[in-house]
Amino acid sequence: MHVVAAVVELLLLRKHDFDTVLKATIMKEWTHIKKCLLEIPYFEGWSAADIQDICMQSKILNFADGETILGNTRLFIRILKNIRLNMKNGRNFKELLKMV
């Protein structure tokens, strides 16, 4: 059982409705994300299942030339280093997501 302190919205769709309304759009987005990921040498050795998992949890952000990107870069770099280290030690992407 999970308790949430904030307001939550839940969308429930039957499989037929999902396939009819959303599937094509989501698959197009995941295909685009996968194409972008596979252009980065870091992801070359990842399995198809790991790539699919990361596509399902990713989104692409676009920034203008020269735009300052704000965020917790130290945390992001630490997460990337941990992923790289753990994958070298035989952990797969699903296991790593449980750690984050």
C-alpha atoms as a PDB file:
ATOM      1  CA  MET A   1       0.000   0.000   0.000  1.00  0.00           C
ATOM      2  CA  HIS A   2       1.304   3.458  -0.932  1.00  0.00           C
ATOM      3  CA  VAL A   3       0.236   6.691   0.710  1.00  0.00           C
ATOM      4  CA  VAL A   4       0.641   9.924  -1.231  1.00  0.00           C
ATOM      5  CA  ALA A   5       0.473  13.300   0.508  1.00  0.00           C
ATOM      6  CA  ALA A   6      -0.084  15.257  -2.718  1.00  0.00           C
ATOM      7  CA  VAL A   7      -3.006  15.351  -5.125  1.00  0.00           C
ATOM      8  CA  VAL A   8      -2.689  12.542  -7.663  1.00  0.00           C
ATOM      9  CA  GLU A   9      -4.458  12.001 -10.956  1.00  0.00           C
ATOM     10  CA  LEU A  10      -4.878   8.510 -12.340  1.00  0.00           C
ATOM     11  CA  LEU A  11      -5.745   7.674 -15.920  1.00  0.00           C
ATOM     12  CA  LEU A  12      -7.084   4.171 -16.437  1.00  0.00           C
ATOM     13  CA  LEU A  13      -7.326   2.870 -19.994  1.00  0.00           C
ATOM     14  CA  ARG A  14      -8.348  -0.473 -21.338  1.00  0.00           C
ATOM     15  CA  LYS A  15      -5.767  -2.080 -23.595  1.00  0.00           C
ATOM     16  CA  HIS A  16      -7.934  -1.578 -26.677  1.00  0.00           C
ATOM     17  CA  ASP A  17      -8.324   2.132 -25.910  1.00  0.00           C
ATOM     18  CA  PHE A  18      -4.593   2.495 -25.245  1.00  0.00           C
ATOM     19  CA  ASP A  19      -3.748   0.757 -28.530  1.00  0.00           C
ATOM     20  CA  THR A  20      -6.234   2.927 -30.416  1.00  0.00           C
ATOM     21  CA  VAL A  21      -5.404   6.295 -28.853  1.00  0.00           C
ATOM     22  CA  LEU A  22      -1.866   6.351 -27.414  1.00  0.00           C
ATOM     23  CA  LYS A  23       0.283   3.441 -28.578  1.00  0.00           C
ATOM     24  CA  ALA A  24       1.405   4.934 -31.911  1.00  0.00           C
ATOM     25  CA  THR A  25       2.393   8.233 -30.282  1.00  0.00           C
ATOM     26  CA  ILE A  26       4.324   6.565 -27.461  1.00  0.00           C
ATOM     27  CA  MET A  27       6.102   4.156 -29.807  1.00  0.00           C
ATOM     28  CA  LYS A  28       7.113   7.072 -32.051  1.00  0.00           C
ATOM     29  CA  GLU A  29       8.543   8.913 -29.031  1.00  0.00           C
ATOM     30  CA  TRP A  30      10.398   5.817 -27.747  1.00  0.00           C
ATOM     31  CA  THR A  31      11.826   5.166 -31.235  1.00  0.00           C
ATOM     32  CA  HIS A  32      13.146   8.732 -31.348  1.00  0.00           C
ATOM     33  CA  ILE A  33      14.686   8.414 -27.869  1.00  0.00           C
ATOM     34  CA  LYS A  34      16.264   5.068 -28.798  1.00  0.00           C
ATOM     35  CA  LYS A  35      17.775   6.568 -31.961  1.00  0.00           C
ATOM     36  CA  CYS A  36      19.267   9.430 -29.921  1.00  0.00           C
ATOM     37  CA  LEU A  37      20.634   7.076 -27.249  1.00  0.00           C
ATOM     38  CA  LEU A  38      22.282   4.790 -29.795  1.00  0.00           C
ATOM     39  CA  GLU A  39      24.164   7.759 -31.261  1.00  0.00           C
ATOM     40  CA  ILE A  40      26.005   8.090 -27.921  1.00  0.00           C
ATOM     41  CA  PRO A  41      28.944   5.662 -27.616  1.00  0.00           C
ATOM     42  CA  TYR A  42      28.215   5.213 -23.897  1.00  0.00           C
ATOM     43  CA  PHE A  43      25.115   3.126 -24.739  1.00  0.00           C
ATOM     44  CA  GLU A  44      26.697   0.911 -27.439  1.00  0.00           C
ATOM     45  CA  GLY A  45      27.136  -2.126 -25.192  1.00  0.00           C
ATOM     46  CA  TRP A  46      23.699  -1.970 -23.577  1.00  0.00           C
ATOM     47  CA  SER A  47      21.260  -4.814 -24.220  1.00  0.00           C
ATOM     48  CA  ALA A  48      18.053  -4.237 -26.170  1.00  0.00           C
ATOM     49  CA  ALA A  49      16.064  -4.787 -22.948  1.00  0.00           C
ATOM     50  CA  ASP A  50      18.085  -2.139 -21.072  1.00  0.00           C
ATOM     51  CA  ILE A  51      17.692   0.335 -23.941  1.00  0.00           C
ATOM     52  CA  GLN A  52      13.931  -0.293 -23.940  1.00  0.00           C
ATOM     53  CA  ASP A  53      13.766   0.258 -20.170  1.00  0.00           C
ATOM     54  CA  ILE A  54      15.624   3.559 -20.372  1.00  0.00           C
ATOM     55  CA  CYS A  55      13.466   4.706 -23.313  1.00  0.00           C
ATOM     56  CA  MET A  56      10.323   4.094 -21.272  1.00  0.00           C
ATOM     57  CA  GLN A  57      11.629   6.345 -18.497  1.00  0.00           C
ATOM     58  CA  SER A  58      13.273   9.057 -20.572  1.00  0.00           C
ATOM     59  CA  LYS A  59      12.253  12.197 -22.325  1.00  0.00           C
ATOM     60  CA  ILE A  60      14.153  14.477 -24.646  1.00  0.00           C
ATOM     61  CA  LEU A  61      14.663  18.079 -23.665  1.00  0.00           C
ATOM     62  CA  ASN A  62      15.692  20.687 -26.205  1.00  0.00           C
ATOM     63  CA  PHE A  63      17.769  23.724 -25.323  1.00  0.00           C
ATOM     64  CA  ALA A  64      18.669  26.788 -27.355  1.00  0.00           C
ATOM     65  CA  ASP A  65      22.283  27.458 -28.306  1.00  0.00           C
ATOM     66  CA  GLY A  66      24.015  29.189 -25.424  1.00  0.00           C
ATOM     67  CA  GLU A  67      21.160  28.515 -22.997  1.00  0.00           C
ATOM     68  CA  THR A  68      22.227  27.920 -19.409  1.00  0.00           C
ATOM     69  CA  ILE A  69      21.006  24.582 -18.135  1.00  0.00           C
ATOM     70  CA  LEU A  70      20.296  24.599 -14.430  1.00  0.00           C
ATOM     71  CA  GLY A  71      20.131  21.480 -12.326  1.00  0.00           C
ATOM     72  CA  ASN A  72      21.959  19.328  -9.849  1.00  0.00           C
ATOM     73  CA  THR A  73      24.911  18.465 -12.086  1.00  0.00           C
ATOM     74  CA  ARG A  74      26.941  16.914  -9.261  1.00  0.00           C
ATOM     75  CA  LEU A  75      24.127  14.474  -8.544  1.00  0.00           C
ATOM     76  CA  PHE A  76      23.719  13.703 -12.254  1.00  0.00           C
ATOM     77  CA  ILE A  77      27.447  13.039 -12.696  1.00  0.00           C
ATOM     78  CA  ARG A  78      27.490  10.841  -9.576  1.00  0.00           C
ATOM     79  CA  ILE A  79      24.539   8.820 -10.900  1.00  0.00           C
ATOM     80  CA  LEU A  80      26.258   8.334 -14.276  1.00  0.00           C
ATOM     81  CA  LYS A  81      29.485   7.207 -12.603  1.00  0.00           C
ATOM     82  CA  ASN A  82      27.553   4.755 -10.414  1.00  0.00           C
ATOM     83  CA  ILE A  83      25.706   3.359 -13.436  1.00  0.00           C
ATOM     84  CA  ARG A  84      28.969   2.881 -15.341  1.00  0.00           C
ATOM     85  CA  LEU A  85      30.688   1.214 -12.368  1.00  0.00           C
ATOM     86  CA  ASN A  86      27.762  -1.071 -11.575  1.00  0.00           C
ATOM     87  CA  MET A  87      27.288  -2.141 -15.193  1.00  0.00           C
ATOM     88  CA  LYS A  88      30.969  -3.090 -15.353  1.00  0.00           C
ATOM     89  CA  ASN A  89      30.323  -5.231 -12.267  1.00  0.00           C
ATOM     90  CA  GLY A  90      27.509  -7.128 -13.996  1.00  0.00           C
ATOM     91  CA  ARG A  91      24.395  -5.285 -12.831  1.00  0.00           C
ATOM     92  CA  ASN A  92      21.711  -4.569 -15.390  1.00  0.00           C
ATOM     93  CA  PHE A  93      19.800  -1.333 -15.856  1.00  0.00           C
ATOM     94  CA  LYS A  94      16.653  -2.526 -14.022  1.00  0.00           C
ATOM     95  CA  GLU A  95      18.714  -3.304 -10.922  1.00  0.00           C
ATOM     96  CA  LEU A  96      20.338   0.126 -11.096  1.00  0.00           C
ATOM     97  CA  LEU A  97      16.978   1.911 -11.251  1.00  0.00           C
ATOM     98  CA  LYS A  98      16.032   0.317  -7.952  1.00  0.00           C
ATOM     99  CA  MET A  99      19.130   1.922  -6.400  1.00  0.00           C
ATOM    100  CA  VAL A 100      18.354   5.486  -7.543  1.00  0.00           C
END
